Amino acid sequence: MTIKGVGKRLRTEHLSARAASSLLPYCRVAVIVGKYGHSAVERNKLRRRLRELVRLHVIPDFTGIDLVLYAGSSAYGLEFEKLAGEAISIKAQLTSVVQ
């Protein structure tokens, strides 16, 4: 069973996510950043930023959730504050799905 087939889809302007409940007592998160013609340095920078935002804003508030976060091509040009707003928006949508 994959999260792609059973997870609830969450979307913002530059990010999308799939979330599914899990029997584990903790939250698992995967961050997927496509190449979209960018260099490995740019891709890794975006991935690190997204992981940090998830670590700060999403993981502390949830248990028993599997989350896969996908960055769209337009996410490469965003400032950190805008990415933070999008991560908080995903968190709000996730809160409404879980409860």
PDB file of N, CA and C in Angstrom:
ATOM      1  N   MET A   1       0.849  -1.180   0.000  1.00  0.00           N
ATOM      2  CA  MET A   1       0.000   0.000   0.000  1.00  0.00           C
ATOM      3  C   MET A   1       0.890   1.237   0.000  1.00  0.00           C
ATOM      4  N   THR A   2       0.651   2.132  -0.930  1.00  0.00           N
ATOM      5  CA  THR A   2       1.438   3.348  -1.011  1.00  0.00           C
ATOM      6  C   THR A   2       0.607   4.536  -0.594  1.00  0.00           C
ATOM      7  N   ILE A   3       1.287   5.551  -0.135  1.00  0.00           N
ATOM      8  CA  ILE A   3       0.594   6.767   0.286  1.00  0.00           C
ATOM      9  C   ILE A   3       0.010   7.486  -0.926  1.00  0.00           C
ATOM     10  N   LYS A   4       0.607   7.293  -2.097  1.00  0.00           N
ATOM     11  CA  LYS A   4       0.112   7.929  -3.307  1.00  0.00           C
ATOM     12  C   LYS A   4      -1.296   7.460  -3.652  1.00  0.00           C
ATOM     13  N   GLY A   5      -1.587   6.212  -3.346  1.00  0.00           N
ATOM     14  CA  GLY A   5      -2.894   5.674  -3.671  1.00  0.00           C
ATOM     15  C   GLY A   5      -3.954   5.925  -2.625  1.00  0.00           C
ATOM     16  N   VAL A   6      -3.569   6.057  -1.361  1.00  0.00           N
ATOM     17  CA  VAL A   6      -4.574   6.163  -0.300  1.00  0.00           C
ATOM     18  C   VAL A   6      -4.566   7.504   0.424  1.00  0.00           C
ATOM     19  N   GLY A   7      -3.527   8.305   0.239  1.00  0.00           N
ATOM     20  CA  GLY A   7      -3.402   9.539   1.002  1.00  0.00           C
ATOM     21  C   GLY A   7      -4.343  10.633   0.548  1.00  0.00           C
ATOM     22  N   LYS A   8      -4.631  11.536   1.459  1.00  0.00           N
ATOM     23  CA  LYS A   8      -5.446  12.718   1.168  1.00  0.00           C
ATOM     24  C   LYS A   8      -4.552  13.779   0.539  1.00  0.00           C
ATOM     25  N   ARG A   9      -4.993  14.387  -0.535  1.00  0.00           N
ATOM     26  CA  ARG A   9      -4.190  15.372  -1.252  1.00  0.00           C
ATOM     27  C   ARG A   9      -4.396  16.758  -0.658  1.00  0.00           C
ATOM     28  N   LEU A  10      -3.286  17.436  -0.415  1.00  0.00           N
ATOM     29  CA  LEU A  10      -3.280  18.800   0.103  1.00  0.00           C
ATOM     30  C   LEU A  10      -2.499  19.658  -0.882  1.00  0.00           C
ATOM     31  N   ARG A  11      -2.955  20.900  -1.118  1.00  0.00           N
ATOM     32  CA  ARG A  11      -2.304  21.741  -2.122  1.00  0.00           C
ATOM     33  C   ARG A  11      -2.188  23.172  -1.648  1.00  0.00           C
ATOM     34  N   THR A  12      -1.085  23.797  -2.043  1.00  0.00           N
ATOM     35  CA  THR A  12      -0.925  25.244  -1.961  1.00  0.00           C
ATOM     36  C   THR A  12      -0.481  25.701  -3.345  1.00  0.00           C
ATOM     37  N   GLU A  13      -0.125  26.949  -3.473  1.00  0.00           N
ATOM     38  CA  GLU A  13       0.247  27.465  -4.789  1.00  0.00           C
ATOM     39  C   GLU A  13       1.512  26.796  -5.333  1.00  0.00           C
ATOM     40  N   HIS A  14       2.496  26.544  -4.460  1.00  0.00           N
ATOM     41  CA  HIS A  14       3.780  26.027  -4.907  1.00  0.00           C
ATOM     42  C   HIS A  14       4.108  24.627  -4.380  1.00  0.00           C
ATOM     43  N   LEU A  15       3.327  24.134  -3.442  1.00  0.00           N
ATOM     44  CA  LEU A  15       3.579  22.833  -2.838  1.00  0.00           C
ATOM     45  C   LEU A  15       2.334  21.966  -2.929  1.00  0.00           C
ATOM     46  N   SER A  16       2.539  20.668  -2.956  1.00  0.00           N
ATOM     47  CA  SER A  16       1.429  19.739  -2.805  1.00  0.00           C
ATOM     48  C   SER A  16       1.901  18.630  -1.871  1.00  0.00           C
ATOM     49  N   ALA A  17       0.949  17.951  -1.277  1.00  0.00           N
ATOM     50  CA  ALA A  17       1.300  16.914  -0.307  1.00  0.00           C
ATOM     51  C   ALA A  17       0.247  15.822  -0.334  1.00  0.00           C
ATOM     52  N   ARG A  18       0.643  14.671   0.124  1.00  0.00           N
ATOM     53  CA  ARG A  18      -0.261  13.558   0.367  1.00  0.00           C
ATOM     54  C   ARG A  18      -0.073  13.142   1.810  1.00  0.00           C
ATOM     55  N   ALA A  19      -1.164  12.942   2.516  1.00  0.00           N
ATOM     56  CA  ALA A  19      -1.097  12.544   3.917  1.00  0.00           C
ATOM     57  C   ALA A  19      -1.999  11.345   4.144  1.00  0.00           C
ATOM     58  N   ALA A  20      -1.528  10.442   4.975  1.00  0.00           N
ATOM     59  CA  ALA A  20      -2.297   9.250   5.328  1.00  0.00           C
ATOM     60  C   ALA A  20      -2.021   8.921   6.780  1.00  0.00           C
ATOM     61  N   SER A  21      -3.002   8.335   7.432  1.00  0.00           N
ATOM     62  CA  SER A  21      -2.807   7.935   8.821  1.00  0.00           C
ATOM     63  C   SER A  21      -1.895   6.724   8.880  1.00  0.00           C
ATOM     64  N   SER A  22      -1.219   6.604  10.004  1.00  0.00           N
ATOM     65  CA  SER A  22      -0.259   5.532  10.201  1.00  0.00           C
ATOM     66  C   SER A  22      -0.458   4.941  11.586  1.00  0.00           C
ATOM     67  N   LEU A  23      -0.090   3.702  11.758  1.00  0.00           N
ATOM     68  CA  LEU A  23      -0.182   3.068  13.070  1.00  0.00           C
ATOM     69  C   LEU A  23       1.034   3.374  13.944  1.00  0.00           C
ATOM     70  N   LEU A  24       2.024   4.009  13.363  1.00  0.00           N
ATOM     71  CA  LEU A  24       3.231   4.343  14.118  1.00  0.00           C
ATOM     72  C   LEU A  24       2.971   5.504  15.068  1.00  0.00           C
ATOM     73  N   PRO A  25       3.661   5.568  16.193  1.00  0.00           N
ATOM     74  CA  PRO A  25       3.409   6.630  17.177  1.00  0.00           C
ATOM     75  C   PRO A  25       4.143   7.939  16.867  1.00  0.00           C
ATOM     76  N   TYR A  26       4.630   8.099  15.646  1.00  0.00           N
ATOM     77  CA  TYR A  26       5.330   9.321  15.286  1.00  0.00           C
ATOM     78  C   TYR A  26       4.992   9.694  13.850  1.00  0.00           C
ATOM     79  N   CYS A  27       5.385  10.888  13.462  1.00  0.00           N
ATOM     80  CA  CYS A  27       5.106  11.414  12.128  1.00  0.00           C
ATOM     81  C   CYS A  27       6.298  11.126  11.207  1.00  0.00           C
ATOM     82  N   ARG A  28       6.012  10.590  10.017  1.00  0.00           N
ATOM     83  CA  ARG A  28       7.063  10.381   9.019  1.00  0.00           C
ATOM     84  C   ARG A  28       6.814  11.323   7.851  1.00  0.00           C
ATOM     85  N   VAL A  29       7.900  11.936   7.361  1.00  0.00           N
ATOM     86  CA  VAL A  29       7.772  12.909   6.282  1.00  0.00           C
ATOM     87  C   VAL A  29       8.824  12.627   5.214  1.00  0.00           C
ATOM     88  N   ALA A  30       8.414  12.700   3.964  1.00  0.00           N
ATOM     89  CA  ALA A  30       9.330  12.631   2.826  1.00  0.00           C
ATOM     90  C   ALA A  30       9.176  13.923   2.033  1.00  0.00           C
ATOM     91  N   VAL A  31      10.292  14.495   1.629  1.00  0.00           N
ATOM     92  CA  VAL A  31      10.285  15.721   0.836  1.00  0.00           C
ATOM     93  C   VAL A  31      10.831  15.383  -0.546  1.00  0.00           C
ATOM     94  N   ILE A  32      10.043  15.662  -1.577  1.00  0.00           N
ATOM     95  CA  ILE A  32      10.433  15.350  -2.949  1.00  0.00           C
ATOM     96  C   ILE A  32      10.528  16.644  -3.741  1.00  0.00           C
ATOM     97  N   VAL A  33      11.718  16.871  -4.291  1.00  0.00           N
ATOM     98  CA  VAL A  33      11.980  18.066  -5.086  1.00  0.00           C
ATOM     99  C   VAL A  33      12.469  17.601  -6.455  1.00  0.00           C
ATOM    100  N   GLY A  34      11.715  17.900  -7.482  1.00  0.00           N
ATOM    101  CA  GLY A  34      12.099  17.515  -8.836  1.00  0.00           C
ATOM    102  C   GLY A  34      13.197  18.408  -9.383  1.00  0.00           C
ATOM    103  N   LYS A  35      13.843  17.961 -10.450  1.00  0.00           N
ATOM    104  CA  LYS A  35      14.957  18.718 -11.032  1.00  0.00           C
ATOM    105  C   LYS A  35      14.481  19.988 -11.728  1.00  0.00           C
ATOM    106  N   TYR A  36      13.503  19.858 -12.600  1.00  0.00           N
ATOM    107  CA  TYR A  36      12.931  20.991 -13.336  1.00  0.00           C
ATOM    108  C   TYR A  36      14.001  21.871 -13.969  1.00  0.00           C
ATOM    109  N   GLY A  37      15.130  21.279 -14.379  1.00  0.00           N
ATOM    110  CA  GLY A  37      16.180  22.036 -15.053  1.00  0.00           C
ATOM    111  C   GLY A  37      17.094  22.817 -14.130  1.00  0.00           C
ATOM    112  N   HIS A  38      16.989  22.625 -12.827  1.00  0.00           N
ATOM    113  CA  HIS A  38      17.839  23.330 -11.869  1.00  0.00           C
ATOM    114  C   HIS A  38      19.024  22.461 -11.480  1.00  0.00           C
ATOM    115  N   SER A  39      20.038  23.110 -10.923  1.00  0.00           N
ATOM    116  CA  SER A  39      21.246  22.389 -10.528  1.00  0.00           C
ATOM    117  C   SER A  39      21.023  21.625  -9.227  1.00  0.00           C
ATOM    118  N   ALA A  40      21.936  20.719  -8.927  1.00  0.00           N
ATOM    119  CA  ALA A  40      21.863  19.939  -7.691  1.00  0.00           C
ATOM    120  C   ALA A  40      21.974  20.852  -6.470  1.00  0.00           C
ATOM    121  N   VAL A  41      22.742  21.909  -6.580  1.00  0.00           N
ATOM    122  CA  VAL A  41      22.904  22.850  -5.468  1.00  0.00           C
ATOM    123  C   VAL A  41      21.573  23.528  -5.134  1.00  0.00           C
ATOM    124  N   GLU A  42      20.866  23.988  -6.161  1.00  0.00           N
ATOM    125  CA  GLU A  42      19.572  24.639  -5.956  1.00  0.00           C
ATOM    126  C   GLU A  42      18.545  23.645  -5.398  1.00  0.00           C
ATOM    127  N   ARG A  43      18.554  22.433  -5.940  1.00  0.00           N
ATOM    128  CA  ARG A  43      17.609  21.411  -5.498  1.00  0.00           C
ATOM    129  C   ARG A  43      17.841  21.040  -4.034  1.00  0.00           C
ATOM    130  N   ASN A  44      19.097  20.865  -3.654  1.00  0.00           N
ATOM    131  CA  ASN A  44      19.405  20.519  -2.269  1.00  0.00           C
ATOM    132  C   ASN A  44      19.092  21.656  -1.311  1.00  0.00           C
ATOM    133  N   LYS A  45      19.293  22.889  -1.744  1.00  0.00           N
ATOM    134  CA  LYS A  45      18.960  24.055  -0.914  1.00  0.00           C
ATOM    135  C   LYS A  45      17.458  24.092  -0.643  1.00  0.00           C
ATOM    136  N   LEU A  46      16.657  23.895  -1.678  1.00  0.00           N
ATOM    137  CA  LEU A  46      15.204  23.875  -1.503  1.00  0.00           C
ATOM    138  C   LEU A  46      14.781  22.713  -0.615  1.00  0.00           C
ATOM    139  N   ARG A  47      15.370  21.547  -0.815  1.00  0.00           N
ATOM    140  CA  ARG A  47      15.041  20.377   0.008  1.00  0.00           C
ATOM    141  C   ARG A  47      15.377  20.632   1.482  1.00  0.00           C
ATOM    142  N   ARG A  48      16.544  21.208   1.761  1.00  0.00           N
ATOM    143  CA  ARG A  48      16.927  21.516   3.146  1.00  0.00           C
ATOM    144  C   ARG A  48      15.970  22.510   3.780  1.00  0.00           C
ATOM    145  N   ARG A  49      15.584  23.523   3.029  1.00  0.00           N
ATOM    146  CA  ARG A  49      14.637  24.514   3.554  1.00  0.00           C
ATOM    147  C   ARG A  49      13.294  23.873   3.899  1.00  0.00           C
ATOM    148  N   LEU A  50      12.782  23.047   3.002  1.00  0.00           N
ATOM    149  CA  LEU A  50      11.496  22.396   3.244  1.00  0.00           C
ATOM    150  C   LEU A  50      11.563  21.437   4.428  1.00  0.00           C
ATOM    151  N   ARG A  51      12.651  20.680   4.543  1.00  0.00           N
ATOM    152  CA  ARG A  51      12.789  19.773   5.687  1.00  0.00           C
ATOM    153  C   ARG A  51      12.820  20.549   7.001  1.00  0.00           C
ATOM    154  N   GLU A  52      13.506  21.680   7.019  1.00  0.00           N
ATOM    155  CA  GLU A  52      13.568  22.486   8.233  1.00  0.00           C
ATOM    156  C   GLU A  52      12.189  23.036   8.590  1.00  0.00           C
ATOM    157  N   LEU A  53      11.444  23.509   7.604  1.00  0.00           N
ATOM    158  CA  LEU A  53      10.100  24.028   7.865  1.00  0.00           C
ATOM    159  C   LEU A  53       9.165  22.933   8.370  1.00  0.00           C
ATOM    160  N   VAL A  54       9.263  21.759   7.796  1.00  0.00           N
ATOM    161  CA  VAL A  54       8.441  20.635   8.258  1.00  0.00           C
ATOM    162  C   VAL A  54       8.823  20.261   9.690  1.00  0.00           C
ATOM    163  N   ARG A  55      10.125  20.244   9.968  1.00  0.00           N
ATOM    164  CA  ARG A  55      10.603  19.911  11.312  1.00  0.00           C
ATOM    165  C   ARG A  55      10.088  20.908  12.349  1.00  0.00           C
ATOM    166  N   LEU A  56      10.035  22.190  11.984  1.00  0.00           N
ATOM    167  CA  LEU A  56       9.608  23.217  12.935  1.00  0.00           C
ATOM    168  C   LEU A  56       8.092  23.331  13.061  1.00  0.00           C
ATOM    169  N   HIS A  57       7.375  23.217  11.943  1.00  0.00           N
ATOM    170  CA  HIS A  57       5.950  23.546  11.938  1.00  0.00           C
ATOM    171  C   HIS A  57       5.006  22.353  11.894  1.00  0.00           C
ATOM    172  N   VAL A  58       5.401  21.256  11.301  1.00  0.00           N
ATOM    173  CA  VAL A  58       4.459  20.152  11.087  1.00  0.00           C
ATOM    174  C   VAL A  58       4.665  19.012  12.079  1.00  0.00           C
ATOM    175  N   ILE A  59       5.866  18.501  12.159  1.00  0.00           N
ATOM    176  CA  ILE A  59       6.131  17.302  12.965  1.00  0.00           C
ATOM    177  C   ILE A  59       5.753  17.450  14.436  1.00  0.00           C
ATOM    178  N   PRO A  60       6.018  18.591  15.099  1.00  0.00           N
ATOM    179  CA  PRO A  60       5.683  18.661  16.531  1.00  0.00           C
ATOM    180  C   PRO A  60       4.190  18.520  16.851  1.00  0.00           C
ATOM    181  N   ASP A  61       3.331  18.795  15.886  1.00  0.00           N
ATOM    182  CA  ASP A  61       1.889  18.816  16.156  1.00  0.00           C
ATOM    183  C   ASP A  61       1.156  17.538  15.763  1.00  0.00           C
ATOM    184  N   PHE A  62       1.838  16.587  15.143  1.00  0.00           N
ATOM    185  CA  PHE A  62       1.141  15.410  14.645  1.00  0.00           C
ATOM    186  C   PHE A  62       1.852  14.129  15.044  1.00  0.00           C
ATOM    187  N   THR A  63       1.067  13.091  15.305  1.00  0.00           N
ATOM    188  CA  THR A  63       1.586  11.747  15.506  1.00  0.00           C
ATOM    189  C   THR A  63       0.740  10.810  14.650  1.00  0.00           C
ATOM    190  N   GLY A  64       1.321   9.725  14.226  1.00  0.00           N
ATOM    191  CA  GLY A  64       0.576   8.748  13.446  1.00  0.00           C
ATOM    192  C   GLY A  64       0.194   9.216  12.062  1.00  0.00           C
ATOM    193  N   ILE A  65       1.028  10.052  11.447  1.00  0.00           N
ATOM    194  CA  ILE A  65       0.753  10.576  10.109  1.00  0.00           C
ATOM    195  C   ILE A  65       1.960  10.307   9.216  1.00  0.00           C
ATOM    196  N   ASP A  66       1.700   9.875   7.995  1.00  0.00           N
ATOM    197  CA  ASP A  66       2.729   9.793   6.962  1.00  0.00           C
ATOM    198  C   ASP A  66       2.443  10.911   5.970  1.00  0.00           C
ATOM    199  N   LEU A  67       3.452  11.726   5.676  1.00  0.00           N
ATOM    200  CA  LEU A  67       3.283  12.887   4.808  1.00  0.00           C
ATOM    201  C   LEU A  67       4.356  12.869   3.738  1.00  0.00           C
ATOM    202  N   VAL A  68       3.938  13.040   2.487  1.00  0.00           N
ATOM    203  CA  VAL A  68       4.875  13.200   1.379  1.00  0.00           C
ATOM    204  C   VAL A  68       4.646  14.594   0.820  1.00  0.00           C
ATOM    205  N   LEU A  69       5.696  15.413   0.855  1.00  0.00           N
ATOM    206  CA  LEU A  69       5.622  16.806   0.422  1.00  0.00           C
ATOM    207  C   LEU A  69       6.341  16.944  -0.915  1.00  0.00           C
ATOM    208  N   TYR A  70       5.626  17.457  -1.928  1.00  0.00           N
ATOM    209  CA  TYR A  70       6.172  17.643  -3.259  1.00  0.00           C
ATOM    210  C   TYR A  70       6.333  19.137  -3.526  1.00  0.00           C
ATOM    211  N   ALA A  71       7.516  19.536  -3.983  1.00  0.00           N
ATOM    212  CA  ALA A  71       7.757  20.924  -4.353  1.00  0.00           C
ATOM    213  C   ALA A  71       7.555  21.080  -5.855  1.00  0.00           C
ATOM    214  N   GLY A  72       6.771  22.066  -6.240  1.00  0.00           N
ATOM    215  CA  GLY A  72       6.584  22.335  -7.656  1.00  0.00           C
ATOM    216  C   GLY A  72       7.751  23.132  -8.214  1.00  0.00           C
ATOM    217  N   SER A  73       7.778  23.298  -9.523  1.00  0.00           N
ATOM    218  CA  SER A  73       8.895  24.009 -10.154  1.00  0.00           C
ATOM    219  C   SER A  73       8.949  25.475  -9.725  1.00  0.00           C
ATOM    220  N   SER A  74       7.822  26.047  -9.398  1.00  0.00           N
ATOM    221  CA  SER A  74       7.800  27.458  -8.995  1.00  0.00           C
ATOM    222  C   SER A  74       8.328  27.669  -7.574  1.00  0.00           C
ATOM    223  N   ALA A  75       8.509  26.604  -6.808  1.00  0.00           N
ATOM    224  CA  ALA A  75       9.012  26.731  -5.441  1.00  0.00           C
ATOM    225  C   ALA A  75      10.483  27.123  -5.408  1.00  0.00           C
ATOM    226  N   TYR A  76      11.201  26.895  -6.495  1.00  0.00           N
ATOM    227  CA  TYR A  76      12.624  27.241  -6.541  1.00  0.00           C
ATOM    228  C   TYR A  76      12.848  28.741  -6.345  1.00  0.00           C
ATOM    229  N   GLY A  77      11.975  29.578  -6.823  1.00  0.00           N
ATOM    230  CA  GLY A  77      12.177  31.019  -6.770  1.00  0.00           C
ATOM    231  C   GLY A  77      11.654  31.691  -5.516  1.00  0.00           C
ATOM    232  N   LEU A  78      11.111  30.936  -4.580  1.00  0.00           N
ATOM    233  CA  LEU A  78      10.493  31.529  -3.396  1.00  0.00           C
ATOM    234  C   LEU A  78      11.513  31.873  -2.320  1.00  0.00           C
ATOM    235  N   GLU A  79      11.201  32.924  -1.581  1.00  0.00           N
ATOM    236  CA  GLU A  79      11.990  33.262  -0.404  1.00  0.00           C
ATOM    237  C   GLU A  79      11.575  32.342   0.739  1.00  0.00           C
ATOM    238  N   PHE A  80      12.424  32.275   1.757  1.00  0.00           N
ATOM    239  CA  PHE A  80      12.186  31.371   2.886  1.00  0.00           C
ATOM    240  C   PHE A  80      10.871  31.698   3.594  1.00  0.00           C
ATOM    241  N   GLU A  81      10.551  32.975   3.743  1.00  0.00           N
ATOM    242  CA  GLU A  81       9.318  33.369   4.442  1.00  0.00           C
ATOM    243  C   GLU A  81       8.075  32.896   3.688  1.00  0.00           C
ATOM    244  N   LYS A  82       8.116  32.970   2.362  1.00  0.00           N
ATOM    245  CA  LYS A  82       6.986  32.500   1.558  1.00  0.00           C
ATOM    246  C   LYS A  82       6.841  30.975   1.662  1.00  0.00           C
ATOM    247  N   LEU A  83       7.985  30.272   1.655  1.00  0.00           N
ATOM    248  CA  LEU A  83       7.940  28.819   1.851  1.00  0.00           C
ATOM    249  C   LEU A  83       7.365  28.475   3.225  1.00  0.00           C
ATOM    250  N   ALA A  84       7.738  29.273   4.232  1.00  0.00           N
ATOM    251  CA  ALA A  84       7.209  29.047   5.586  1.00  0.00           C
ATOM    252  C   ALA A  84       5.696  29.214   5.598  1.00  0.00           C
ATOM    253  N   GLY A  85       5.194  30.218   4.912  1.00  0.00           N
ATOM    254  CA  GLY A  85       3.748  30.414   4.825  1.00  0.00           C
ATOM    255  C   GLY A  85       3.049  29.241   4.157  1.00  0.00           C
ATOM    256  N   GLU A  86       3.661  28.705   3.131  1.00  0.00           N
ATOM    257  CA  GLU A  86       3.081  27.549   2.440  1.00  0.00           C
ATOM    258  C   GLU A  86       3.099  26.308   3.337  1.00  0.00           C
ATOM    259  N   ALA A  87       4.187  26.129   4.094  1.00  0.00           N
ATOM    260  CA  ALA A  87       4.261  24.986   5.016  1.00  0.00           C
ATOM    261  C   ALA A  87       3.202  25.107   6.106  1.00  0.00           C
ATOM    262  N   ILE A  88       2.975  26.299   6.597  1.00  0.00           N
ATOM    263  CA  ILE A  88       1.947  26.517   7.614  1.00  0.00           C
ATOM    264  C   ILE A  88       0.562  26.266   7.016  1.00  0.00           C
ATOM    265  N   SER A  89       0.374  26.617   5.756  1.00  0.00           N
ATOM    266  CA  SER A  89      -0.900  26.346   5.085  1.00  0.00           C
ATOM    267  C   SER A  89      -1.139  24.841   4.937  1.00  0.00           C
ATOM    268  N   ILE A  90      -0.091  24.096   4.597  1.00  0.00           N
ATOM    269  CA  ILE A  90      -0.201  22.627   4.533  1.00  0.00           C
ATOM    270  C   ILE A  90      -0.556  22.082   5.909  1.00  0.00           C
ATOM    271  N   LYS A  91       0.063  22.630   6.946  1.00  0.00           N
ATOM    272  CA  LYS A  91      -0.222  22.199   8.313  1.00  0.00           C
ATOM    273  C   LYS A  91      -1.691  22.450   8.661  1.00  0.00           C
ATOM    274  N   ALA A  92      -2.224  23.608   8.285  1.00  0.00           N
ATOM    275  CA  ALA A  92      -3.623  23.923   8.568  1.00  0.00           C
ATOM    276  C   ALA A  92      -4.553  22.945   7.837  1.00  0.00           C
ATOM    277  N   GLN A  93      -4.244  22.647   6.573  1.00  0.00           N
ATOM    278  CA  GLN A  93      -5.063  21.687   5.835  1.00  0.00           C
ATOM    279  C   GLN A  93      -4.967  20.299   6.450  1.00  0.00           C
ATOM    280  N   LEU A  94      -3.782  19.941   6.904  1.00  0.00           N
ATOM    281  CA  LEU A  94      -3.575  18.646   7.523  1.00  0.00           C
ATOM    282  C   LEU A  94      -4.349  18.538   8.826  1.00  0.00           C
ATOM    283  N   THR A  95      -4.408  19.635   9.571  1.00  0.00           N
ATOM    284  CA  THR A  95      -5.173  19.663  10.818  1.00  0.00           C
ATOM    285  C   THR A  95      -6.658  19.417  10.545  1.00  0.00           C
ATOM    286  N   SER A  96      -7.191  20.022   9.493  1.00  0.00           N
ATOM    287  CA  SER A  96      -8.607  19.837   9.177  1.00  0.00           C
ATOM    288  C   SER A  96      -8.881  18.426   8.672  1.00  0.00           C
ATOM    289  N   VAL A  97      -7.923  17.788   8.032  1.00  0.00           N
ATOM    290  CA  VAL A  97      -8.091  16.419   7.535  1.00  0.00           C
ATOM    291  C   VAL A  97      -8.050  15.422   8.683  1.00  0.00           C
ATOM    292  N   VAL A  98      -7.127  15.636   9.620  1.00  0.00           N
ATOM    293  CA  VAL A  98      -6.927  14.692  10.714  1.00  0.00           C
ATOM    294  C   VAL A  98      -8.110  14.717  11.677  1.00  0.00           C
ATOM    295  N   GLN A  99      -8.656  15.892  11.937  1.00  0.00           N
ATOM    296  CA  GLN A  99      -9.728  15.990  12.942  1.00  0.00           C
ATOM    297  C   GLN A  99     -11.093  15.921  12.348  1.00  0.00           C
TER     298      GLN A  99
END
